[in-house]
Structures are given as C-alpha cells and as structure tokens.
Amino acid sequence: YAAVSKAITSYLGDKFNRPVAGLTRDLIRHTMASRALPDEEIDRALFYLEWADSGRFAPAASGEDAEALMEGADSLIKDLENMMARETI
C-alpha cells in the first residue's frame, strides 16, 4: 500500500514539477485541474491514494485488495501518461 501511494505521488510530483513532500490531496486536485485533466481522472487519482492510505493504516486488507489496488494504480498512471503526452502538459 505504501509503495502504491509513493508511486502515484512520485509520478504526479515529477509530472507537475512539485516536491512529493508537499503534495497534499488539495494541491493534487488543484494542480491536475489547472492542467485541464478531466475531473474523472482527478477523482480516480485521489481514490487510489485514499485506498492506499486506508490499506496502510487499517488492518484486515486482503491480498486481493492489494492486487486490485496495484492494477488500478498502474492503469491510472498509464492513462495519465497518455493524456499528458497528447496534451504536452
């Protein structure tokens, strides 16, 4: 869960030229919106970050949950990469 959270925040920090340490959920939402990314993708990114955080801090997460989270986060990053490559954001 921690690795997924770090992967998403590191990716976004790199793409938006922001330090990962200061990348709050509000700043992520604002920065993604200012780059004209669709609201659905913004919500999706925040959803996966919340899911990763809940998995880190809540016991009883299953291996299936972790696998679904990793697959979803991977898909998110690929989709964002494609969108930003087309838009040259």
Protein backbone atom coordinates (compact mmCIF):
# COMPACT_ATOMS: atom_id res chain seq x y z
CA TYR A 1 0.00 0.00 0.00
CA ALA A 2 2.82 2.37 0.85
CA ALA A 3 4.53 1.56 -2.45
CA VAL A 4 1.38 2.37 -4.43
CA SER A 5 0.91 5.66 -2.60
CA LYS A 6 4.54 6.56 -3.22
CA ALA A 7 4.34 5.56 -6.89
CA ILE A 8 1.32 7.76 -7.53
CA THR A 9 2.60 10.79 -5.60
CA SER A 10 6.09 10.47 -7.09
CA TYR A 11 4.65 10.26 -10.58
CA LEU A 12 2.45 13.31 -10.05
CA GLY A 13 5.27 15.24 -8.38
CA ASP A 14 7.56 14.52 -11.32
CA LYS A 15 4.95 15.41 -13.92
CA PHE A 16 3.95 18.65 -12.21
CA ASN A 17 7.44 19.61 -11.05
CA ARG A 18 6.38 19.62 -7.39
CA PRO A 19 8.14 18.19 -4.36
CA VAL A 20 6.46 15.00 -3.22
CA ALA A 21 6.71 16.01 0.44
CA GLY A 22 4.36 18.95 -0.09
CA LEU A 23 1.91 17.17 -2.37
CA THR A 24 -1.34 17.28 -0.42
CA ARG A 25 -4.63 15.96 -1.78
CA ASP A 26 -5.86 19.54 -2.24
CA LEU A 27 -2.72 20.50 -4.15
CA ILE A 28 -3.02 17.39 -6.30
CA ARG A 29 -6.64 18.27 -7.13
CA HIS A 30 -5.78 21.90 -7.86
CA THR A 31 -2.71 21.11 -9.97
CA MET A 32 -4.44 18.42 -12.00
CA ALA A 33 -7.42 20.72 -12.59
CA SER A 34 -5.16 23.60 -13.62
CA ARG A 35 -3.66 21.29 -16.26
CA ALA A 36 -7.14 20.64 -17.65
CA LEU A 37 -7.16 16.98 -16.73
CA PRO A 38 -10.69 15.54 -16.62
CA ASP A 39 -12.46 15.55 -13.26
CA GLU A 40 -12.88 11.78 -13.55
CA GLU A 41 -9.10 11.31 -13.64
CA ILE A 42 -8.59 13.68 -10.73
CA ASP A 43 -11.15 11.77 -8.68
CA ARG A 44 -9.60 8.48 -9.77
CA ALA A 45 -6.12 9.54 -8.65
CA LEU A 46 -7.45 10.69 -5.28
CA PHE A 47 -9.48 7.48 -4.93
CA TYR A 48 -6.38 5.31 -5.37
CA LEU A 49 -4.39 7.46 -2.96
CA GLU A 50 -7.15 7.15 -0.35
CA TRP A 51 -7.39 3.41 -0.92
CA ALA A 52 -3.63 3.05 -0.48
CA ASP A 53 -3.72 5.08 2.73
CA SER A 54 -6.59 3.06 4.14
CA GLY A 55 -4.71 -0.14 3.35
CA ARG A 56 -1.61 1.16 5.09
CA PHE A 57 -3.38 2.12 8.28
CA ALA A 58 -6.30 -0.30 8.50
CA PRO A 59 -5.69 -3.94 9.31
CA ALA A 60 -7.51 -6.76 7.56
CA ALA A 61 -6.70 -5.76 4.00
CA SER A 62 -6.59 -8.82 1.81
CA GLY A 63 -4.06 -9.78 -0.82
CA GLU A 64 -6.81 -9.47 -3.42
CA ASP A 65 -7.39 -5.87 -2.34
CA ALA A 66 -3.70 -5.10 -2.70
CA GLU A 67 -3.58 -6.68 -6.15
CA ALA A 68 -6.65 -4.74 -7.30
CA LEU A 69 -5.12 -1.52 -5.96
CA MET A 70 -1.84 -2.14 -7.78
CA GLU A 71 -3.62 -2.91 -11.05
CA GLY A 72 -5.81 0.18 -10.73
CA ALA A 73 -2.89 2.45 -9.88
CA ASP A 74 -0.88 1.07 -12.80
CA SER A 75 -3.80 1.72 -15.14
CA LEU A 76 -4.21 5.24 -13.73
CA ILE A 77 -0.56 6.14 -14.29
CA LYS A 78 -0.62 4.75 -17.84
CA ASP A 79 -3.81 6.65 -18.64
CA LEU A 80 -2.46 9.90 -17.20
CA GLU A 81 0.79 9.43 -19.10
CA ASN A 82 -1.13 9.02 -22.35
CA MET A 83 -3.30 12.06 -21.66
CA MET A 84 -0.37 14.27 -20.75
CA ALA A 85 1.68 13.10 -23.72
CA ARG A 86 -1.16 14.07 -26.08
CA GLU A 87 -1.69 17.40 -24.38
CA THR A 88 2.00 18.09 -23.74
CA ILE A 89 1.10 19.28 -20.26
